[in-house]
Each structure stands twice: as C-alpha cells, then as structure tokens.
Amino acid sequence: MNFYARSWGTLILIIPYRAYAEVGADLYLKETEENGNFHYSFSDIASPVYYVQTIDFIPKEIHARVGAKSIEEGVRFGNEKLNQICTTDPIFCENIPKSRKKALPFLFKSFDKNNFEFIRLKKGKIPKESIKNRIELYYAWPATSKFGIPSYDMLKASLCFFSIRFREYENSGKSNYRVMNINLNECLNSVLYYAVPAVKRFVHLRQKRLFHMYFTRERKNGNIFLKGEAYPNVKVWGKYKIRYFKREIILEDGSEKFLSDKIELKVTDDNGKGGKGIIEFYKVK
C-alpha cells in the first residue's frame, strides 16, 4: 500500500501553506484455505514501513518515521525516502536545513503470526470484522513526546477497497461488462481517519453521486484477467474530486482463486492538489 497527498496555497487568503504526507506499508502473508475461503496471517515485513510528513504551515521540518528490523536500516531507508521526495517535489523541502530533514527509526515489538490477519471470501469480499492489526512499533531512541506510525492501521482500513464489487450480477462471462453504482465513501473516510490527525478533525469526504466502471475480461494461460477503469470526476469535498479509479485482477481459471488484485485511485482538485493511492494484493510464490 502506498498513499501520498500534497497541497499548497493560502489560508484565509493571507496565510501561506505547504503540506506533504506519504504512507507505505508492505507485508508478506501466509495463506490457508478454510471452508472455501482464505485466511491470511502475518509472515514477515516485505520492506520497511514508513510515514512522511511536513511540519508547520510553511514547513520548518520534514520527518520520515520508519519501522524496520534495525535502527541502521530505518535511518538509511528514511534518508533515502526524504532525498527522493525533496528531489521530485522540492517545493515541500524549500529552506529546510539538512538537520531538520529527520529519519526517525522505529522497531517492532514482535513478529507473531497473529500480528496482522484477515479472511477473504471466495467471491472476493473481506469482512471488516475479520481484519485484525496487532502490529506494535516503538521509537528506537529516547523521546519525551509520543508519536507513532499509522501505516498499518491505514493498510487495515484500505482492505475495504477490495470488497467493492467487480463482477456482473448475472455473471454472464462477457468480455466487456459494466459494474454500476460504485460508492467509495466508507473506504476513503476509513483511510483518511488514520492519515493526518489534523485533517480528520475537519474533513469528511462525501461522494456526491455514484459512478460506474467498465471492465474487460480475458482468459489467457490458464488465468482470467479482469481490468476496469473509470474517470468519474465526482466531488468528494470542496473542489476535490475522484478523478480516476482503476482495478486489475488476475484469477486462477476454474477455481477463481485470487492471484493478483491491484487498485489505483486519484483524488485531486483542478490544480493537482490532493492525493493518489495504490493498494496491491498478489501471490508471490
């Protein structure tokens, strides 16, 4: 999972601001079949988990909080992420001295199989009550303030997107079909809740209308490939709109077992302020 949001401008016409936030979380999961459904449980972290955020309206600092298996790995990964952001989006790092571009290392309390788990039903839905996130991280260096990494909570919330319908009601097997009445309200607000604490206090996204998504279906090499795209251009808050929604799924032909499921989402205003996200679930071996 990767989400990022970027914004800039003035508040009340006179107060300038610039804000950047990015979140990433990546896990290996073990799959076991239970009564035709599939249970997924924590196996290992695939890469360091991270949360990047600018500090203050005109950024005086930018932090990369990173959870890794060692302090050295966390600091190295955090500095690489900061360098990448400051190179590709320099507006958010302007006038911030090197000493205030901080990689803050976190460590994991345990690597237990119950740390993260959920059930995916045969038809694809992930029941909300089956999702459990028990991953705990702690800041590796002494600190007086309390802060953490919300990335795994956001990963848990983002699984909501995989429960959005992608099949035809009649399951006709057509090579082209339409899925109607898609509503992203619950999923968007669930993810936003953990994103930026200051934002969730005054922003509640509400999709102004439902939208449809057109899919293509292809059988190839023993698998079923489904691809859907939509450009709904529908408002969710102020001038911000859902601009793009894409889903690509690979199913094992016959069993229709999920081999891959990838969702891309873009929410911006007319000037490009806003965010993008990718949530991906795929079999690695």
Protein backbone atom coordinates (compact mmCIF):
# COMPACT_ATOMS: atom_id res chain seq x y z
CA MET A 1 0.00 0.00 0.00
CA ASN A 2 1.17 3.49 -0.83
CA PHE A 3 -0.73 6.75 -0.39
CA TYR A 4 0.53 10.28 -0.76
CA ALA A 5 -1.10 13.70 -0.54
CA ARG A 6 0.30 17.12 -1.42
CA SER A 7 -1.19 20.60 -1.14
CA TRP A 8 -0.13 24.24 -1.20
CA GLY A 9 -1.68 27.71 -1.32
CA THR A 10 -3.04 30.25 1.17
CA LEU A 11 -5.47 30.01 4.07
CA ILE A 12 -7.97 32.88 4.50
CA LEU A 13 -6.20 34.47 1.51
CA ILE A 14 -3.14 35.57 3.52
CA ILE A 15 -1.59 32.59 5.33
CA PRO A 16 0.66 30.56 3.00
CA TYR A 17 0.98 26.82 3.50
CA ARG A 18 2.63 23.75 2.00
CA ALA A 19 1.89 20.22 3.12
CA TYR A 20 3.10 16.78 2.10
CA ALA A 21 2.31 13.35 3.56
CA GLU A 22 3.16 9.86 2.33
CA VAL A 23 2.46 6.44 3.79
CA GLY A 24 3.73 2.98 2.84
CA ALA A 25 3.18 -0.50 4.26
CA ASP A 26 4.15 -3.85 2.78
CA LEU A 27 3.67 -7.30 4.33
CA TYR A 28 4.20 -10.95 3.48
CA LEU A 29 1.17 -13.03 4.45
CA LYS A 30 0.64 -16.78 4.76
CA GLU A 31 -2.45 -18.17 3.02
CA THR A 32 -4.53 -21.08 4.34
CA GLU A 33 -7.85 -22.29 2.95
CA GLU A 34 -10.80 -22.61 5.31
CA ASN A 35 -14.19 -23.87 4.07
CA GLY A 36 -13.64 -22.46 0.58
CA ASN A 37 -12.50 -19.09 1.92
CA PHE A 38 -8.94 -17.95 2.56
CA HIS A 39 -7.29 -16.86 5.78
CA TYR A 40 -4.24 -14.59 5.59
CA SER A 41 -1.88 -14.15 8.52
CA PHE A 42 1.32 -12.20 9.14
CA SER A 43 4.52 -13.85 7.95
CA ASP A 44 7.07 -11.02 7.71
CA ILE A 45 7.53 -7.40 6.69
CA ALA A 46 8.38 -7.12 2.99
CA SER A 47 10.03 -3.71 3.29
CA PRO A 48 10.28 -1.02 5.99
CA VAL A 49 7.00 0.66 6.89
CA TYR A 50 7.04 4.45 6.73
CA TYR A 51 5.13 7.69 7.27
CA VAL A 52 6.48 11.00 5.92
CA GLN A 53 5.05 14.37 7.00
CA THR A 54 5.96 18.05 6.71
CA ILE A 55 5.80 20.09 9.94
CA ASP A 56 4.02 23.50 10.19
CA PHE A 57 2.19 25.53 7.53
CA ILE A 58 5.44 26.65 5.91
CA PRO A 59 7.49 23.52 6.60
CA LYS A 60 10.31 24.02 9.08
CA GLU A 61 10.96 20.28 9.21
CA ILE A 62 10.10 17.13 7.29
CA HIS A 63 10.07 13.79 9.10
CA ALA A 64 10.25 10.21 7.83
CA ARG A 65 9.17 7.78 10.55
CA VAL A 66 10.36 4.32 9.55
CA GLY A 67 9.73 0.92 11.10
CA ALA A 68 12.45 -1.62 10.23
CA LYS A 69 14.33 -4.60 11.66
CA SER A 70 17.25 -2.44 12.77
CA ILE A 71 17.93 1.21 13.60
CA GLU A 72 20.51 1.39 10.81
CA GLU A 73 18.05 0.12 8.19
CA GLY A 74 15.35 2.53 9.39
CA VAL A 75 17.61 5.58 9.27
CA ARG A 76 19.01 4.62 5.86
CA PHE A 77 15.56 3.98 4.37
CA GLY A 78 14.20 7.22 5.87
CA ASN A 79 17.02 9.32 4.45
CA GLU A 80 16.57 7.73 1.02
CA LYS A 81 12.84 8.48 1.11
CA LEU A 82 13.47 12.11 2.14
CA ASN A 83 16.03 12.58 -0.61
CA GLN A 84 13.59 11.15 -3.14
CA ILE A 85 10.75 13.45 -2.07
CA CYS A 86 12.93 16.56 -1.88
CA THR A 87 14.25 15.82 -5.38
CA THR A 88 10.91 15.12 -7.06
CA ASP A 89 8.84 17.65 -5.04
CA PRO A 90 11.36 20.35 -3.96
CA ILE A 91 8.62 22.87 -3.06
CA PHE A 92 8.00 20.93 0.18
CA CYS A 93 11.66 21.00 1.23
CA GLU A 94 12.49 24.60 0.39
CA ASN A 95 14.54 26.35 3.10
CA ILE A 96 14.53 23.28 5.35
CA PRO A 97 18.09 22.71 6.60
CA LYS A 98 19.59 19.24 6.41
CA SER A 99 19.46 18.91 10.22
CA ARG A 100 15.67 19.21 10.13
CA LYS A 101 15.16 16.54 7.48
CA LYS A 102 14.83 13.75 10.02
CA ALA A 103 14.74 9.98 9.62
CA LEU A 104 13.16 8.66 12.84
CA PRO A 105 13.68 4.91 13.43
CA PHE A 106 11.10 2.57 14.96
CA LEU A 107 11.44 -1.11 15.83
CA PHE A 108 8.90 -3.96 16.01
CA LYS A 109 7.89 -5.39 19.39
CA SER A 110 7.25 -8.86 17.90
CA PHE A 111 6.86 -10.83 14.67
CA ASP A 112 3.95 -13.05 15.67
CA LYS A 113 1.64 -14.71 13.11
CA ASN A 114 -1.34 -13.02 14.79
CA ASN A 115 0.08 -9.53 14.23
CA PHE A 116 -1.99 -8.96 11.09
CA GLU A 117 -4.74 -11.17 9.69
CA PHE A 118 -7.96 -11.21 7.69
CA ILE A 119 -10.29 -13.54 5.79
CA ARG A 120 -11.09 -13.18 2.11
CA LEU A 121 -14.27 -14.88 0.98
CA LYS A 122 -14.26 -16.93 -2.21
CA LYS A 123 -16.09 -14.19 -4.12
CA GLY A 124 -13.55 -11.57 -3.05
CA LYS A 125 -15.10 -9.68 -0.15
CA ILE A 126 -13.06 -9.12 3.02
CA PRO A 127 -15.40 -8.93 6.05
CA LYS A 128 -14.46 -5.91 8.16
CA GLU A 129 -14.75 -7.85 11.41
CA SER A 130 -12.14 -10.38 10.21
CA ILE A 131 -9.36 -7.78 9.85
CA LYS A 132 -7.01 -7.56 12.82
CA ASN A 133 -3.93 -5.35 13.15
CA ARG A 134 -1.87 -6.06 16.26
CA ILE A 135 1.48 -4.82 14.97
CA GLU A 136 3.23 -2.66 17.57
CA LEU A 137 6.21 -0.41 16.93
CA TYR A 138 8.20 1.73 19.31
CA TYR A 139 10.53 4.67 18.77
CA ALA A 140 14.08 3.36 18.99
CA TRP A 141 15.60 6.46 20.64
CA PRO A 142 14.58 8.18 23.91
CA ALA A 143 11.90 10.84 23.42
CA THR A 144 9.60 12.91 25.61
CA SER A 145 6.79 13.20 23.05
CA LYS A 146 4.54 10.33 21.97
CA PHE A 147 4.14 9.66 18.27
CA GLY A 148 3.82 6.62 16.07
CA ILE A 149 3.39 5.28 12.57
CA PRO A 150 -0.24 4.95 11.35
CA SER A 151 0.69 2.98 8.23
CA TYR A 152 -0.53 -0.48 9.31
CA ASP A 153 -3.81 0.99 10.55
CA MET A 154 -4.18 2.58 7.11
CA LEU A 155 -3.32 -0.73 5.46
CA LYS A 156 -6.04 -2.38 7.52
CA ALA A 157 -8.52 0.33 6.50
CA SER A 158 -7.52 0.16 2.83
CA LEU A 159 -8.57 -3.51 2.58
CA CYS A 160 -12.09 -2.07 2.35
CA PHE A 161 -11.43 -1.27 -1.33
CA PHE A 162 -11.09 -4.98 -2.17
CA SER A 163 -14.71 -5.55 -1.10
CA ILE A 164 -16.03 -3.19 -3.80
CA ARG A 165 -17.96 -5.23 -6.37
CA PHE A 166 -16.10 -6.07 -9.57
CA ARG A 167 -18.30 -8.85 -11.03
CA GLU A 168 -21.51 -8.75 -13.02
CA TYR A 169 -24.62 -9.60 -11.06
CA GLU A 170 -25.62 -12.19 -13.66
CA ASN A 171 -22.03 -13.50 -14.18
CA SER A 172 -22.57 -13.88 -17.93
CA GLY A 173 -18.89 -14.24 -18.75
CA LYS A 174 -18.96 -11.41 -21.30
CA SER A 175 -15.64 -9.98 -22.49
CA ASN A 176 -16.92 -6.47 -21.72
CA TYR A 177 -19.29 -5.52 -18.93
CA ARG A 178 -20.21 -2.71 -16.54
CA VAL A 179 -20.29 -2.59 -12.74
CA MET A 180 -22.79 0.03 -11.60
CA ASN A 181 -23.30 2.24 -8.55
CA ILE A 182 -19.80 2.32 -7.05
CA ASN A 183 -19.51 4.24 -3.78
CA LEU A 184 -16.08 4.88 -2.21
CA ASN A 185 -17.30 6.88 0.82
CA GLU A 186 -16.66 4.28 3.52
CA CYS A 187 -13.24 3.27 2.21
CA LEU A 188 -11.99 6.82 1.64
CA ASN A 189 -13.01 8.03 5.08
CA SER A 190 -11.64 4.91 6.79
CA VAL A 191 -8.20 5.55 5.28
CA LEU A 192 -8.36 9.32 5.85
CA TYR A 193 -9.08 8.76 9.55
CA TYR A 194 -5.54 7.50 10.10
CA ALA A 195 -3.75 9.68 7.53
CA VAL A 196 -3.17 13.12 9.05
CA PRO A 197 -4.63 13.73 12.54
CA ALA A 198 -5.16 17.46 11.90
CA VAL A 199 -7.12 16.75 8.71
CA LYS A 200 -9.58 14.24 10.13
CA ARG A 201 -10.90 16.87 12.55
CA PHE A 202 -12.47 18.99 9.83
CA VAL A 203 -12.58 16.88 6.66
CA HIS A 204 -15.24 14.27 5.96
CA LEU A 205 -15.37 13.05 2.38
CA ARG A 206 -18.78 12.50 0.80
CA GLN A 207 -19.09 11.23 -2.74
CA LYS A 208 -21.79 13.35 -4.38
CA ARG A 209 -23.01 10.65 -6.76
CA LEU A 210 -22.42 7.01 -7.63
CA PHE A 211 -20.36 6.08 -10.66
CA HIS A 212 -19.97 3.10 -13.00
CA MET A 213 -16.88 1.16 -14.01
CA TYR A 214 -16.29 -0.63 -17.32
CA PHE A 215 -14.40 -3.94 -17.25
CA THR A 216 -12.76 -6.17 -19.83
CA ARG A 217 -12.39 -9.93 -19.26
CA GLU A 218 -9.79 -12.13 -20.94
CA ARG A 219 -8.81 -15.78 -20.50
CA LYS A 220 -5.11 -16.43 -21.06
CA ASN A 221 -2.53 -19.00 -19.90
CA GLY A 222 -4.99 -20.68 -17.54
CA ASN A 223 -5.97 -17.43 -15.81
CA ILE A 224 -8.77 -14.86 -16.01
CA PHE A 225 -7.68 -11.24 -16.40
CA LEU A 226 -10.13 -8.51 -15.37
CA LYS A 227 -9.39 -4.83 -15.93
CA GLY A 228 -11.68 -1.95 -15.01
CA GLU A 229 -11.24 1.81 -15.33
CA ALA A 230 -13.36 4.85 -14.51
CA TYR A 231 -12.90 8.61 -14.75
CA PRO A 232 -15.84 9.64 -12.57
CA ASN A 233 -14.88 13.30 -11.93
CA VAL A 234 -17.21 13.28 -8.92
CA LYS A 235 -16.84 15.66 -5.96
CA VAL A 236 -15.97 14.33 -2.51
CA TRP A 237 -15.02 17.52 -0.61
CA GLY A 238 -14.90 21.17 -1.73
CA LYS A 239 -13.15 21.26 -5.09
CA TYR A 240 -11.65 17.80 -4.66
CA LYS A 241 -12.93 15.06 -6.96
CA ILE A 242 -12.37 11.38 -7.62
CA ARG A 243 -10.56 11.70 -10.94
CA TYR A 244 -9.53 8.12 -11.59
CA PHE A 245 -10.27 4.63 -10.31
CA LYS A 246 -8.65 1.52 -11.75
CA ARG A 247 -8.69 -2.15 -10.82
CA GLU A 248 -6.76 -5.08 -12.30
CA ILE A 249 -7.42 -8.65 -11.12
CA ILE A 250 -5.92 -12.00 -12.07
CA LEU A 251 -7.91 -15.10 -11.11
CA GLU A 252 -6.99 -18.73 -11.50
CA ASP A 253 -9.32 -20.14 -14.14
CA GLY A 254 -11.73 -22.72 -12.77
CA SER A 255 -11.15 -22.11 -9.06
CA GLU A 256 -11.22 -18.29 -9.49
CA LYS A 257 -8.64 -18.06 -6.73
CA PHE A 258 -7.09 -14.57 -6.45
CA LEU A 259 -3.54 -14.37 -7.80
CA SER A 260 -3.40 -10.58 -8.01
CA ASP A 261 -5.65 -7.63 -7.20
CA LYS A 262 -4.46 -4.06 -7.71
CA ILE A 263 -6.38 -0.82 -7.18
CA GLU A 264 -5.28 2.69 -8.13
CA LEU A 265 -7.07 5.86 -7.03
CA LYS A 266 -6.62 9.57 -7.66
CA VAL A 267 -8.40 12.37 -5.76
CA THR A 268 -7.39 15.94 -6.69
CA ASP A 269 -8.67 19.42 -7.42
CA ASP A 270 -8.27 21.19 -10.78
CA ASN A 271 -4.75 22.34 -9.84
CA GLY A 272 -3.45 18.87 -8.98
CA LYS A 273 -3.62 19.28 -5.21
CA GLY A 274 -4.71 16.14 -3.45
CA GLY A 275 -3.56 12.57 -3.40
CA LYS A 276 -3.03 9.24 -5.09
CA GLY A 277 -3.05 5.72 -3.75
CA ILE A 278 -2.19 2.16 -4.74
CA ILE A 279 -3.34 -0.95 -2.88
CA GLU A 280 -1.98 -4.23 -4.20
CA PHE A 281 -2.50 -7.84 -3.15
CA TYR A 282 -0.67 -10.60 -5.04
CA LYS A 283 0.69 -14.10 -4.73
CA VAL A 284 4.49 -14.20 -4.54
CA LYS A 285 5.06 -17.98 -4.70
